[in-house]
Protein backbone atom coordinates (compact mmCIF):
# COMPACT_ATOMS: atom_id res chain seq x y z
CA UNK A 1 36.95 204.47 -80.93
CA UNK A 2 36.73 203.80 -84.81
CA UNK A 3 34.01 205.00 -87.01
CA UNK A 4 31.83 202.52 -89.12
CA UNK A 5 32.89 201.68 -92.64
CA UNK A 6 31.73 200.36 -96.06
CA UNK A 7 32.38 196.65 -94.67
CA UNK A 8 30.69 197.17 -91.42
CA UNK A 9 27.55 194.58 -90.72
CA UNK A 10 24.29 196.26 -90.11
CA UNK A 11 22.01 194.86 -87.50
CA UNK A 12 18.91 195.64 -85.29
CA UNK A 13 17.49 194.78 -81.83
CA UNK A 14 14.01 193.83 -81.25
CA UNK A 15 11.46 192.98 -78.30
CA UNK A 16 7.93 192.37 -77.57
CA UNK A 17 7.06 195.79 -78.68
CA UNK A 18 8.59 195.45 -82.20
CA UNK A 19 5.57 195.40 -84.57
CA UNK A 20 5.05 193.16 -87.99
CA UNK A 21 8.29 191.15 -87.72
CA UNK A 22 8.88 189.60 -91.02
CA UNK A 23 11.74 187.22 -90.56
CA UNK A 24 11.73 186.02 -94.21
CA UNK A 25 12.22 189.71 -95.13
CA UNK A 26 14.84 190.39 -92.37
CA UNK A 27 17.05 187.48 -93.46
CA UNK A 28 17.59 189.45 -96.78
CA UNK A 29 17.93 192.95 -94.85
CA UNK A 30 20.12 192.20 -91.65
CA UNK A 31 23.60 190.82 -91.10
CA UNK A 32 22.94 190.06 -87.77
CA UNK A 33 19.90 190.19 -85.17
CA UNK A 34 19.89 190.93 -81.38
CA UNK A 35 16.40 189.67 -79.19
CA UNK A 36 15.75 191.30 -75.82
CA UNK A 37 15.42 187.82 -73.81
CA UNK A 38 14.56 189.22 -70.08
CA UNK A 39 14.86 192.21 -67.99
CA UNK A 40 14.65 193.27 -64.29
CA UNK A 41 12.54 196.43 -63.61
CA UNK A 42 14.20 197.62 -60.79
CA UNK A 43 17.48 196.68 -58.48
CA UNK A 44 16.67 193.40 -57.14
CA UNK A 45 13.55 193.38 -59.18
CA UNK A 46 11.81 190.57 -60.43
CA UNK A 47 13.28 188.54 -63.81
CA UNK A 48 10.63 189.02 -66.34
CA UNK A 49 11.02 187.11 -69.77
CA UNK A 50 10.22 188.95 -72.97
CA UNK A 51 6.91 187.92 -74.07
CA UNK A 52 8.24 187.43 -77.73
CA UNK A 53 11.87 186.09 -77.09
CA UNK A 54 10.90 182.21 -77.23
CA UNK A 55 8.87 182.70 -80.26
CA UNK A 56 11.44 184.94 -82.02
CA UNK A 57 14.45 182.65 -81.36
CA UNK A 58 13.64 179.79 -83.36
CA UNK A 59 12.26 181.92 -85.95
CA UNK A 60 15.58 183.95 -86.37
CA UNK A 61 17.28 180.32 -86.68
CA UNK A 62 14.83 179.00 -88.96
CA UNK A 63 15.56 181.97 -91.46
CA UNK A 64 19.39 181.55 -90.53
CA UNK A 65 19.86 185.01 -89.35
CA UNK A 66 22.77 184.93 -86.95
CA UNK A 67 20.89 185.81 -83.55
CA UNK A 68 21.76 186.67 -80.05
CA UNK A 69 19.87 187.90 -76.75
CA UNK A 70 20.45 190.73 -73.98
CA UNK A 71 19.51 190.91 -70.62
CA UNK A 72 18.45 194.20 -69.36
CA UNK A 73 19.80 194.34 -65.77
CA UNK A 74 19.43 196.97 -63.15
CA UNK A 75 22.80 196.94 -60.75
CA UNK A 76 22.46 197.32 -57.20
CA UNK A 77 24.46 197.16 -53.99
CA UNK A 78 22.98 193.68 -53.61
CA UNK A 79 25.18 190.82 -55.15
CA UNK A 80 22.85 188.22 -54.69
CA UNK A 81 20.73 189.63 -57.42
CA UNK A 82 23.17 189.82 -59.87
CA UNK A 83 23.82 185.87 -59.54
CA UNK A 84 20.12 185.28 -59.58
CA UNK A 85 19.92 187.12 -62.57
CA UNK A 86 22.60 185.66 -64.37
CA UNK A 87 21.54 182.06 -63.51
CA UNK A 88 18.08 182.91 -65.07
CA UNK A 89 19.71 184.56 -67.97
CA UNK A 90 21.04 181.21 -68.24
CA UNK A 91 18.44 179.13 -68.48
CA UNK A 92 16.44 181.35 -70.42
CA UNK A 93 19.05 181.33 -73.19
CA UNK A 94 18.88 177.74 -73.34
CA UNK A 95 14.92 177.74 -73.41
CA UNK A 96 15.08 179.71 -76.69
CA UNK A 97 18.30 178.47 -78.17
CA UNK A 98 18.93 174.78 -77.07
CA UNK A 99 20.87 173.12 -74.22
CA UNK A 100 24.01 174.49 -73.61
CA UNK A 101 23.40 176.98 -76.57
CA UNK A 102 23.45 180.53 -75.70
CA UNK A 103 22.78 182.11 -78.84
CA UNK A 104 24.96 182.68 -82.14
CA UNK A 105 26.30 185.78 -81.02
CA UNK A 106 27.83 187.35 -78.02
CA UNK A 107 25.21 187.27 -75.03
CA UNK A 108 24.78 190.44 -73.75
CA UNK A 109 24.20 192.42 -70.48
CA UNK A 110 22.33 195.81 -71.23
CA UNK A 111 23.29 198.17 -68.41
CA UNK A 112 21.78 201.69 -68.54
CA UNK A 113 20.26 202.23 -65.08
CA UNK A 114 19.99 203.39 -62.37
CA UNK A 115 20.18 207.08 -63.52
CA UNK A 116 18.39 208.61 -60.57
CA UNK A 117 19.36 207.40 -57.08
CA UNK A 118 22.84 206.50 -58.69
CA UNK A 119 24.63 203.91 -56.79
CA UNK A 120 28.31 204.47 -56.21
CA UNK A 121 30.36 203.75 -59.36
CA UNK A 122 32.49 201.03 -57.27
CA UNK A 123 28.75 199.03 -56.62
CA UNK A 124 27.98 199.41 -60.30
CA UNK A 125 31.24 198.40 -61.71
CA UNK A 126 31.34 195.34 -59.14
CA UNK A 127 27.71 194.21 -59.83
CA UNK A 128 28.40 194.05 -63.34
CA UNK A 129 31.74 192.12 -62.68
CA UNK A 130 30.08 189.61 -60.69
CA UNK A 131 27.48 188.75 -63.03
CA UNK A 132 30.17 188.87 -66.16
CA UNK A 133 32.56 186.16 -64.20
CA UNK A 134 29.16 184.04 -63.07
CA UNK A 135 28.14 183.75 -66.52
CA UNK A 136 31.22 183.08 -68.32
CA UNK A 137 32.45 180.23 -65.75
CA UNK A 138 29.15 178.41 -66.05
CA UNK A 139 28.76 178.78 -70.22
CA UNK A 140 32.35 179.10 -71.34
CA UNK A 141 31.04 182.01 -73.61
CA UNK A 142 32.63 185.67 -73.21
CA UNK A 143 29.73 188.26 -72.29
CA UNK A 144 29.01 191.44 -74.03
CA UNK A 145 28.36 194.52 -72.29
CA UNK A 146 25.86 197.25 -74.08
CA UNK A 147 25.77 200.49 -72.39
CA UNK A 148 25.45 204.30 -73.44
CA UNK A 149 28.22 206.87 -73.70
CA UNK A 150 26.10 209.29 -71.44
CA UNK A 151 25.93 206.43 -68.90
CA UNK A 152 29.63 205.68 -68.71
CA UNK A 153 30.25 209.45 -68.31
CA UNK A 154 27.38 209.28 -65.75
CA UNK A 155 29.41 206.58 -63.66
CA UNK A 156 33.07 207.99 -64.03
CA UNK A 157 34.31 206.59 -66.90
CA UNK A 158 33.61 203.05 -65.14
CA UNK A 159 36.69 204.11 -63.35
CA UNK A 160 37.28 202.71 -59.74
CA UNK A 161 40.07 204.15 -57.65
CA UNK A 162 42.59 201.77 -56.66
CA UNK A 163 41.22 199.12 -59.00
CA UNK A 164 40.95 200.90 -62.32
CA UNK A 165 38.61 200.13 -65.21
CA UNK A 166 37.85 196.34 -65.05
CA UNK A 167 35.18 196.06 -67.59
CA UNK A 168 37.25 197.26 -70.42
CA UNK A 169 38.12 193.76 -71.54
CA UNK A 170 34.63 192.89 -72.13
CA UNK A 171 33.32 193.04 -75.56
CA UNK A 172 31.40 196.28 -76.18
CA UNK A 173 28.34 197.29 -77.51
CA UNK A 174 28.08 201.06 -77.33
CA UNK A 175 24.80 203.23 -78.19
CA UNK A 176 25.33 206.93 -79.34
CA UNK A 177 22.71 208.21 -81.63
CA UNK A 178 24.22 210.59 -84.57
CA UNK A 179 20.80 212.45 -84.37
CA UNK A 180 21.72 214.15 -81.32
CA UNK A 181 23.48 217.38 -81.88
CA UNK A 182 25.75 217.31 -78.96
CA UNK A 183 27.20 213.88 -79.85
CA UNK A 184 30.18 213.53 -82.06
CA UNK A 185 30.36 211.91 -85.49
CA UNK A 186 31.38 208.44 -83.89
CA UNK A 187 31.90 207.05 -80.59
CA UNK A 188 35.04 208.53 -78.77
CA UNK A 189 37.02 206.34 -76.63
CA UNK A 190 35.34 206.00 -73.17
CA UNK A 191 35.47 203.72 -70.17
CA UNK A 192 38.96 202.17 -70.85
CA UNK A 193 37.48 201.25 -74.58
CA UNK A 194 39.26 202.08 -77.81
CA UNK A 195 37.21 200.20 -79.89
CA UNK A 196 33.32 198.95 -80.17
CA UNK A 197 32.32 195.50 -81.48
CA UNK A 198 28.78 197.07 -82.09
CA UNK A 199 27.83 200.72 -82.34
CA UNK A 200 24.02 201.38 -81.86
CA UNK A 201 23.66 204.49 -83.94
CA UNK A 202 20.00 205.02 -84.00
CA UNK A 203 16.79 203.98 -81.97
CA UNK A 204 14.38 205.40 -84.77
CA UNK A 205 15.74 203.44 -87.84
CA UNK A 206 13.05 202.55 -90.54
CA UNK A 207 14.20 198.97 -91.59
CA UNK A 208 12.09 196.63 -94.35
CA UNK A 209 10.89 193.66 -92.43
CA UNK A 210 9.38 195.46 -89.09
CA UNK A 211 6.74 198.10 -89.18
CA UNK A 212 7.62 200.76 -86.37
CA UNK A 213 11.06 202.11 -85.81
CA UNK A 214 13.84 200.05 -84.31
CA UNK A 215 17.33 200.26 -82.85
CA UNK A 216 20.04 200.49 -85.82
CA UNK A 217 23.29 198.91 -84.84
CA UNK A 218 26.60 198.90 -87.08
CA UNK A 219 28.95 195.90 -86.60
CA UNK A 220 32.21 194.41 -87.05
CA UNK A 221 33.46 193.93 -90.51
CA UNK A 222 33.06 190.25 -90.15
CA UNK A 223 30.07 188.02 -88.32
CA UNK A 224 33.22 185.86 -86.65
CA UNK A 225 34.18 188.81 -84.72
CA UNK A 226 30.66 188.37 -83.07
CA UNK A 227 30.24 184.68 -83.24
CA UNK A 228 32.19 181.51 -81.75
CA UNK A 229 34.79 180.05 -83.87
CA UNK A 230 33.39 177.51 -86.35
CA UNK A 231 33.52 173.74 -85.17
CA UNK A 232 36.12 171.69 -86.93
CA UNK A 233 36.10 170.05 -89.97
CA UNK A 234 37.87 166.69 -91.36
CA UNK A 235 39.10 165.45 -87.91
CA UNK A 236 41.03 162.21 -88.52
CA UNK A 237 43.36 160.18 -86.27
CA UNK A 238 45.41 156.86 -87.04
CA UNK A 239 47.59 154.87 -84.85
CA UNK A 240 51.07 154.30 -86.12
CA UNK A 241 53.27 152.39 -83.63
CA UNK A 242 53.54 154.14 -80.33
CA UNK A 243 51.79 157.31 -81.66
CA UNK A 244 48.42 158.86 -82.87
CA UNK A 245 49.02 161.20 -85.79
CA UNK A 246 45.90 163.82 -85.76
CA UNK A 247 44.84 166.02 -88.80
CA UNK A 248 42.18 168.42 -89.65
CA UNK A 249 40.90 170.96 -91.89
CA UNK A 250 42.13 174.77 -91.07
CA UNK A 251 39.48 176.49 -89.29
CA UNK A 252 38.41 179.92 -91.68
CA UNK A 253 37.38 182.23 -88.54
CA UNK A 254 39.04 185.92 -89.34
CA UNK A 255 39.90 185.98 -85.54
CA UNK A 256 41.10 182.15 -84.94
CA UNK A 257 43.73 182.11 -82.49
CA UNK A 258 44.59 178.58 -82.09
CA UNK A 259 43.35 175.12 -81.26
CA UNK A 260 43.15 173.04 -77.94
CA UNK A 261 43.26 169.07 -78.36
CA UNK A 262 41.99 166.58 -76.07
CA UNK A 263 41.81 162.61 -75.51
CA UNK A 264 38.99 161.23 -73.62
CA UNK A 265 38.01 164.64 -72.58
CA UNK A 266 41.56 165.10 -71.25
CA UNK A 267 43.38 168.44 -72.62
CA UNK A 268 46.52 167.18 -74.29
CA UNK A 269 48.10 170.56 -76.12
CA UNK A 270 47.44 174.12 -77.45
CA UNK A 271 48.26 174.35 -80.94
CA UNK A 272 48.41 177.87 -82.84
CA UNK A 273 46.10 178.75 -85.96
CA UNK A 274 48.38 177.56 -88.39
CA UNK A 275 48.87 173.83 -87.15
CA UNK A 276 46.33 171.22 -88.94
CA UNK A 277 48.23 168.24 -87.52
CA UNK A 278 49.56 166.59 -84.37
CA UNK A 279 51.63 163.69 -83.05
CA UNK A 280 50.27 162.63 -79.90
CA UNK A 281 53.12 160.15 -78.29
CA UNK A 282 51.89 156.70 -76.20
CA UNK A 283 53.49 158.28 -73.34
CA UNK A 284 51.46 161.46 -73.43
CA UNK A 285 48.21 159.57 -73.37
CA UNK A 286 45.84 159.75 -69.96
CA UNK A 287 45.97 156.83 -68.03
CA UNK A 288 42.22 156.05 -68.79
CA UNK A 289 43.35 155.94 -72.54
CA UNK A 290 43.02 151.99 -73.00
CA UNK A 291 41.22 150.17 -75.82
CA UNK A 292 39.30 152.67 -78.07
CA UNK A 293 40.49 156.37 -77.82
CA UNK A 294 37.97 159.50 -78.24
CA UNK A 295 40.16 162.54 -80.10
CA UNK A 296 38.61 165.73 -79.73
CA UNK A 297 39.28 169.61 -80.82
CA UNK A 298 38.00 172.65 -80.67
CA UNK A 299 39.21 176.03 -82.15
CA UNK A 300 39.64 179.40 -80.20
CA UNK A 301 39.50 183.04 -80.81
CA UNK A 302 41.14 186.03 -80.04
CA UNK A 303 38.13 186.50 -77.45
CA UNK A 304 38.76 183.40 -76.07
CA UNK A 305 35.38 181.98 -77.36
CA UNK A 306 35.45 178.43 -78.20
CA UNK A 307 33.85 176.08 -81.00
CA UNK A 308 29.86 175.50 -79.65
CA UNK A 309 30.88 171.97 -80.38
CA UNK A 310 33.93 169.84 -80.14
CA UNK A 311 34.52 167.77 -83.08
CA UNK A 312 35.46 163.93 -82.02
CA UNK A 313 36.83 160.91 -83.71
CA UNK A 314 37.34 157.45 -82.10
CA UNK A 315 40.77 155.75 -82.77
């Protein structure tokens, strides 16, 4: 994987045990922040809410710190536990960030157990994949995986015979501490990943804005690589004969891939990142498009993330 560079963003992750949290100071010292929202103490264990999450989430937003949250999961052979924890995580994120809002940054599943009394690699990977697919289907958000380099190695490089490495297309937050003598200078390729999105390089960093040592992380070169695309601005639509002429301001996300255009909630077309206008022919309109017509548009990026809110205009 890659090393950090002089443009790499800096962030920390905190939980109920973090002391002396000053969000005003953190807003000047951090590029991004992760909060522990919840966890499961054991395989199939009770879902537990971090005591500070519902306090910290709105505070981070108040001081305009890009913020996300993670759930500490313990995979098992019981796939219904993955379903239950996933649903509880989805509900809790909305309590912290708002209805149908799951944080500014990628939501994260933290997997670093079980270490003793290991389960099979196939069972672990299947559990994570079950959680991931359910989460993404229900939220339209991509799920990031947090795990340690040692843990990937412990579980056979996350390689399942006959299947391969099905988790490798998840955005990766890798833990590998530079103060451990046997570790390389930066994370090597592992688990099928050749790049990290976040690298947790220390668990004992001193950071202004908190009073005890915390986990410290290098991020990507742009916050766009951790967030949903910005909502579209300047959307306009005008009828001209049997056509509707639609135009909008270009989205400025560094990882923009394109746009999805809708009429009355029905998908009409997908456009590339350089497009800023489109003509809708009357023959392409859905049968429900009579009288007033609502045109809406969302951007999407290379991760498949879409704008949190579709921009709309009524014709």
